[in-house]
Protein backbone atom coordinates (compact mmCIF):
# COMPACT_ATOMS: atom_id res chain seq x y z
CA UNK A 1 172.52 88.44 160.83
CA UNK A 2 168.75 88.05 160.43
CA UNK A 3 167.87 84.56 159.27
CA UNK A 4 164.29 85.45 158.36
CA UNK A 5 165.42 88.08 155.85
CA UNK A 6 167.56 85.53 153.99
CA UNK A 7 165.41 82.39 153.96
CA UNK A 8 163.16 83.34 151.05
CA UNK A 9 165.88 84.66 148.67
CA UNK A 10 168.15 81.73 149.58
CA UNK A 11 165.36 79.29 148.72
CA UNK A 12 164.80 81.09 145.44
CA UNK A 13 168.46 80.64 144.55
CA UNK A 14 168.33 76.96 145.50
CA UNK A 15 165.26 76.34 143.32
CA UNK A 16 166.74 78.31 140.41
CA UNK A 17 170.04 76.44 140.66
CA UNK A 18 168.23 73.11 140.78
CA UNK A 19 166.20 73.98 137.68
CA UNK A 20 169.34 75.10 135.85
CA UNK A 21 171.13 71.85 136.72
CA UNK A 22 168.04 69.92 135.68
CA UNK A 23 168.06 71.57 132.27
CA UNK A 24 171.69 70.56 131.73
CA UNK A 25 170.77 67.01 132.61
CA UNK A 26 167.71 67.04 130.33
CA UNK A 27 169.84 68.43 127.51
CA UNK A 28 172.10 65.38 127.82
CA UNK A 29 169.04 63.13 127.92
CA UNK A 30 167.70 64.82 124.80
CA UNK A 31 170.92 64.15 122.91
CA UNK A 32 170.83 60.47 123.91
CA UNK A 33 167.15 60.16 122.97
CA UNK A 34 167.72 61.85 119.61
CA UNK A 35 170.57 59.47 118.80
CA UNK A 36 168.36 56.50 119.63
CA UNK A 37 165.57 57.83 117.40
CA UNK A 38 168.02 58.21 114.51
CA UNK A 39 169.30 54.66 115.05
CA UNK A 40 165.79 53.23 115.13
CA UNK A 41 164.81 55.23 112.03
CA UNK A 42 167.77 53.88 110.05
CA UNK A 43 167.01 50.36 111.27
CA UNK A 44 163.38 50.66 110.17
CA UNK A 45 164.32 52.05 106.75
CA UNK A 46 166.75 49.18 106.11
CA UNK A 47 164.16 46.56 107.07
CA UNK A 48 161.53 48.25 104.89
CA UNK A 49 163.91 48.04 101.93
CA UNK A 50 164.39 44.33 102.65
CA UNK A 51 160.62 43.83 102.81
CA UNK A 52 160.15 45.56 99.46
CA UNK A 53 162.74 43.29 97.90
CA UNK A 54 161.10 40.16 99.35
CA UNK A 55 157.67 41.24 98.12
CA UNK A 56 159.12 41.90 94.68
CA UNK A 57 160.46 38.33 94.61
CA UNK A 58 157.01 37.00 95.47
CA UNK A 59 155.45 39.19 92.80
CA UNK A 60 157.80 37.92 90.12
CA UNK A 61 156.83 34.32 90.88
CA UNK A 62 153.11 35.03 91.14
CA UNK A 63 152.92 36.86 87.82
CA UNK A 64 153.89 35.83 84.34
CA UNK A 65 157.60 36.51 84.08
CA UNK A 66 160.86 34.94 83.00
CA UNK A 67 161.46 34.02 86.64
CA UNK A 68 158.20 32.07 86.82
CA UNK A 69 158.73 30.43 83.43
CA UNK A 70 162.20 29.28 84.47
CA UNK A 71 160.86 27.99 87.79
CA UNK A 72 158.08 26.13 86.00
CA UNK A 73 160.54 24.49 83.64
CA UNK A 74 162.55 23.35 86.65
CA UNK A 75 159.38 22.03 88.31
CA UNK A 76 159.83 23.92 91.57
CA UNK A 77 157.43 26.87 91.18
CA UNK A 78 155.32 25.96 94.20
CA UNK A 79 158.32 25.34 96.44
CA UNK A 80 160.06 28.55 95.49
CA UNK A 81 156.87 30.59 95.86
CA UNK A 82 156.28 29.14 99.35
CA UNK A 83 159.83 30.03 100.37
CA UNK A 84 159.57 33.56 98.98
CA UNK A 85 156.22 34.12 100.73
CA UNK A 86 157.66 32.89 104.02
CA UNK A 87 160.63 35.20 103.66
CA UNK A 88 158.29 38.11 102.87
CA UNK A 89 156.20 37.31 105.94
CA UNK A 90 159.32 37.21 108.11
CA UNK A 91 160.47 40.54 106.68
CA UNK A 92 157.03 42.01 107.39
CA UNK A 93 157.22 40.91 111.03
CA UNK A 94 160.69 42.41 111.32
CA UNK A 95 159.41 45.73 109.97
CA UNK A 96 156.51 45.72 112.44
CA UNK A 97 158.92 45.08 115.32
CA UNK A 98 161.25 47.84 114.12
CA UNK A 99 158.29 50.21 113.83
CA UNK A 100 157.39 49.55 117.47
CA UNK A 101 160.98 50.19 118.51
CA UNK A 102 161.04 53.45 116.57
CA UNK A 103 157.69 54.56 118.01
CA UNK A 104 158.91 53.82 121.54
CA UNK A 105 162.13 55.79 121.01
CA UNK A 106 160.23 58.70 119.47
CA UNK A 107 157.78 58.86 122.38
CA UNK A 108 160.69 59.04 124.83
CA UNK A 109 162.33 61.77 122.74
CA UNK A 110 159.08 63.78 122.64
CA UNK A 111 158.71 63.55 126.42
CA UNK A 112 162.28 64.72 127.04
CA UNK A 113 161.96 67.48 124.41
CA UNK A 114 158.84 68.79 126.14
CA UNK A 115 160.59 69.00 129.50
CA UNK A 116 163.67 70.59 127.94
CA UNK A 117 161.60 73.30 126.26
CA UNK A 118 159.72 73.93 129.51
CA UNK A 119 163.01 74.82 131.21
CA UNK A 120 164.07 77.39 128.60
CA UNK A 121 163.94 80.36 131.03
CA UNK A 122 165.94 78.86 133.88
CA UNK A 123 169.17 80.76 133.23
CA UNK A 124 167.41 84.11 133.46
CA UNK A 125 165.50 83.01 136.57
CA UNK A 126 168.77 81.96 138.20
CA UNK A 127 170.42 85.31 137.44
CA UNK A 128 167.45 87.21 138.86
CA UNK A 129 167.31 85.05 142.02
CA UNK A 130 171.03 85.47 142.59
CA UNK A 131 170.77 89.26 142.26
CA UNK A 132 167.89 89.38 144.77
CA UNK A 133 169.80 87.17 147.22
CA UNK A 134 172.90 89.34 146.87
CA UNK A 135 170.87 92.41 147.81
CA UNK A 136 169.46 90.65 150.86
CA UNK A 137 172.94 89.52 151.93
CA UNK A 138 174.33 93.04 151.64
CA UNK A 139 171.48 94.37 153.73
CA UNK A 140 171.98 91.68 156.39
CA UNK A 141 175.78 91.98 156.41
CA UNK A 142 178.08 89.43 158.05
CA UNK A 143 181.19 87.50 157.11
CA UNK A 144 179.28 84.45 155.83
CA UNK A 145 177.42 86.25 153.06
CA UNK A 146 179.58 84.96 150.19
CA UNK A 147 179.63 81.42 151.58
CA UNK A 148 175.84 81.38 151.88
CA UNK A 149 175.59 82.21 148.21
CA UNK A 150 177.84 79.26 147.36
CA UNK A 151 175.88 76.97 149.67
CA UNK A 152 172.59 77.95 148.01
CA UNK A 153 174.03 77.17 144.58
CA UNK A 154 175.48 73.86 145.75
CA UNK A 155 172.18 72.82 147.34
CA UNK A 156 170.39 73.48 144.07
CA UNK A 157 172.86 71.39 142.11
CA UNK A 158 172.71 68.59 144.69
CA UNK A 159 168.91 68.64 144.62
CA UNK A 160 168.87 68.25 140.86
CA UNK A 161 171.35 65.38 141.08
CA UNK A 162 169.20 63.67 143.72
CA UNK A 163 166.25 63.78 141.34
CA UNK A 164 168.36 62.45 138.47
CA UNK A 165 169.65 59.55 140.56
CA UNK A 166 166.13 58.74 141.75
CA UNK A 167 164.87 58.60 138.16
CA UNK A 168 167.78 56.39 137.11
CA UNK A 169 167.10 54.04 140.05
CA UNK A 170 163.45 53.81 138.99
CA UNK A 171 164.40 52.97 135.41
CA UNK A 172 166.89 50.39 136.69
CA UNK A 173 164.26 48.74 138.89
CA UNK A 174 161.87 48.51 135.93
CA UNK A 175 164.61 46.94 133.81
CA UNK A 176 165.50 44.36 136.46
CA UNK A 177 161.85 43.40 136.93
CA UNK A 178 161.36 43.05 133.17
CA UNK A 179 164.49 40.92 132.93
CA UNK A 180 163.33 38.70 135.78
CA UNK A 181 160.02 38.02 134.04
CA UNK A 182 161.82 37.42 130.74
CA UNK A 183 164.16 34.88 132.34
CA UNK A 184 161.19 32.98 133.77
CA UNK A 185 159.64 32.88 130.32
CA UNK A 186 162.93 31.79 128.74
CA UNK A 187 163.40 29.00 131.29
CA UNK A 188 159.92 27.72 130.45
CA UNK A 189 160.74 27.75 126.74
CA UNK A 190 164.01 25.94 127.47
CA UNK A 191 162.23 23.22 129.37
CA UNK A 192 159.82 22.53 126.54
CA UNK A 193 162.67 22.62 124.02
CA UNK A 194 164.57 19.97 125.99
CA UNK A 195 161.46 17.80 126.20
CA UNK A 196 160.80 18.17 122.47
CA UNK A 197 164.41 17.36 121.58
CA UNK A 198 165.16 14.38 123.85
CA UNK A 199 161.78 12.85 124.71
CA UNK A 200 160.01 12.64 121.40
CA UNK A 201 157.87 15.73 121.84
CA UNK A 202 155.24 15.50 119.16
CA UNK A 203 152.92 18.03 117.59
CA UNK A 204 151.44 19.34 120.85
CA UNK A 205 154.84 19.70 122.51
CA UNK A 206 156.18 21.45 119.42
CA UNK A 207 153.26 23.90 119.44
CA UNK A 208 153.68 24.63 123.14
CA UNK A 209 157.43 25.09 122.70
CA UNK A 210 156.95 27.69 119.98
CA UNK A 211 154.27 29.44 122.02
CA UNK A 212 156.74 29.67 124.90
CA UNK A 213 159.45 30.93 122.55
CA UNK A 214 157.13 33.66 121.25
CA UNK A 215 156.33 34.66 124.84
CA UNK A 216 160.04 34.83 125.71
CA UNK A 217 160.79 36.90 122.63
CA UNK A 218 158.07 39.38 123.57
CA UNK A 219 159.33 39.49 127.16
CA UNK A 220 162.85 40.36 126.02
CA UNK A 221 161.45 43.03 123.73
CA UNK A 222 160.08 44.68 126.88
CA UNK A 223 163.54 44.34 128.45
CA UNK A 224 165.00 46.22 125.50
CA UNK A 225 162.50 49.05 125.87
CA UNK A 226 163.34 49.30 129.57
CA UNK A 227 167.06 49.39 128.71
CA UNK A 228 166.45 52.24 126.29
CA UNK A 229 164.75 54.28 128.99
CA UNK A 230 167.58 53.44 131.39
CA UNK A 231 170.20 54.65 128.91
CA UNK A 232 168.42 58.01 128.73
CA UNK A 233 168.19 58.34 132.52
CA UNK A 234 171.88 57.55 132.97
CA UNK A 235 172.92 60.36 130.66
CA UNK A 236 174.99 63.09 132.30
CA UNK A 237 174.98 61.82 135.88
CA UNK A 238 178.50 60.42 135.81
CA UNK A 239 177.44 56.77 135.86
CA UNK A 240 178.68 54.46 133.12
CA UNK A 241 175.99 52.67 131.13
CA UNK A 242 175.99 49.04 132.28
CA UNK A 243 179.45 49.13 133.82
CA UNK A 244 181.17 50.55 130.77
CA UNK A 245 179.50 48.28 128.21
CA UNK A 246 178.10 49.86 125.06
CA UNK A 247 174.43 49.95 125.86
CA UNK A 248 173.46 49.98 122.17
CA UNK A 249 174.94 46.48 121.89
CA UNK A 250 172.80 45.26 124.75
CA UNK A 251 169.70 46.85 123.23
CA UNK A 252 170.03 44.69 120.13
CA UNK A 253 170.78 41.43 121.94
CA UNK A 254 167.28 40.07 122.33
CA UNK A 255 165.22 41.54 119.47
CA UNK A 256 166.10 38.70 117.03
CA UNK A 257 166.48 36.01 119.64
CA UNK A 258 164.72 33.18 117.86
CA UNK A 259 164.82 34.10 114.18
CA UNK A 260 165.62 31.54 111.50
CA UNK A 261 165.08 28.44 113.62
CA UNK A 262 165.70 25.33 111.50
CA UNK A 263 165.96 22.47 113.97
CA UNK A 264 165.32 21.40 117.56
CA UNK A 265 169.04 21.48 118.32
CA UNK A 266 169.33 25.03 117.03
CA UNK A 267 166.38 26.03 119.22
CA UNK A 268 168.14 24.66 122.28
CA UNK A 269 171.39 26.38 121.33
CA UNK A 270 169.68 29.74 120.77
CA UNK A 271 167.91 29.49 124.11
CA UNK A 272 171.16 28.60 125.88
CA UNK A 273 172.93 31.58 124.31
CA UNK A 274 170.07 33.90 125.23
CA UNK A 275 170.07 32.62 128.81
CA UNK A 276 173.82 33.23 129.10
CA UNK A 277 173.48 36.81 127.82
CA UNK A 278 170.51 37.43 130.08
CA UNK A 279 172.32 36.28 133.22
CA UNK A 280 175.31 38.41 132.24
CA UNK A 281 173.00 41.40 131.86
CA UNK A 282 171.43 40.64 135.24
CA UNK A 283 174.86 40.72 136.89
CA UNK A 284 175.74 44.02 135.25
CA UNK A 285 172.44 45.54 136.32
CA UNK A 286 173.18 44.46 139.90
CA UNK A 287 176.57 46.20 139.69
CA UNK A 288 174.87 49.30 138.33
CA UNK A 289 172.41 49.25 141.25
CA UNK A 290 175.31 49.24 143.70
CA UNK A 291 176.95 52.13 141.86
CA UNK A 292 173.76 54.21 141.88
CA UNK A 293 173.24 53.48 145.58
CA UNK A 294 176.75 54.75 146.32
CA UNK A 295 176.09 57.92 144.35
CA UNK A 296 172.82 58.44 146.23
CA UNK A 297 174.57 58.05 149.60
CA UNK A 298 177.34 60.47 148.64
CA UNK A 299 174.82 63.02 147.38
CA UNK A 300 172.70 62.75 150.54
CA UNK A 301 175.78 63.19 152.72
CA UNK A 302 176.75 66.28 150.75
CA UNK A 303 173.30 67.82 151.17
CA UNK A 304 173.38 67.13 154.91
CA UNK A 305 176.77 68.81 155.25
CA UNK A 306 175.66 71.86 153.26
CA UNK A 307 172.49 72.29 155.35
CA UNK A 308 174.49 71.98 158.56
CA UNK A 309 176.96 74.65 157.43
CA UNK A 310 174.15 76.96 156.32
CA UNK A 311 172.45 76.65 159.70
CA UNK A 312 175.74 77.32 161.44
CA UNK A 313 176.28 80.56 159.52
CA UNK A 314 172.70 81.80 159.83
CA UNK A 315 172.51 81.17 163.59
CA UNK A 316 175.92 82.57 164.42
CA UNK A 317 175.81 85.43 166.92
């Protein structure tokens, strides 16, 4: 059997099989990304409705109305207006945050959609490559012809899986790094909260505490975005999202971390709860890293075995 006459068509089959496997993977990613976009769109719409209602409440108190007249008679117009304005401001911030989450999800969907569309001709390319390889095998003859075809297909599938695992590992690393930075920020906020609660604090300490809380909230928002990307990368590679946990639950954990704070004790309690969830997430990400590493080792071993068998057949006398 002439090895040189089979190398090029065999490589064409491998590449075509890898591209076909990649498209199946991207199709699963696209479905996950589309679901996330729909979730974020519904979330944004609900918060926009809340904002409209809050603004309407402010408007009724600012303008001449029965609501304002009744509030004036009760003597609490200013207090009620301040509360309604604060609630409207909070609703506006929530809408802005939801808009960023939706934009992030839509960008990821657009990226995956573009790759999916770019792979639209892979099935035809695979059929053509297989036909060309079959002709070369018939011309070369030999008992291993059918097995070489199978090996070429398996190498393509394994190559696509290697790429998928590599991308998932990259997304996981980004998530773990983001979580590490967020935990540092949260610990800093916790320290200032303890000082403010038990050691008198004061205006400066209170300002610093809330600055640290805002920084921690923003840091965990970045964790959520990294988790969203990770959920897309894990699609269709046989790895459970965060060790079987519903990843959508984790995505929502940190976005409203410090809303509705009414006292120093509540601040400390919220921070403690957030820290507990964050350390739990860190442990689950570590378990996921071990699982992905095992999949990578198994895939590499499979590729090595396939290449060894291919060489054995092609060099047989």
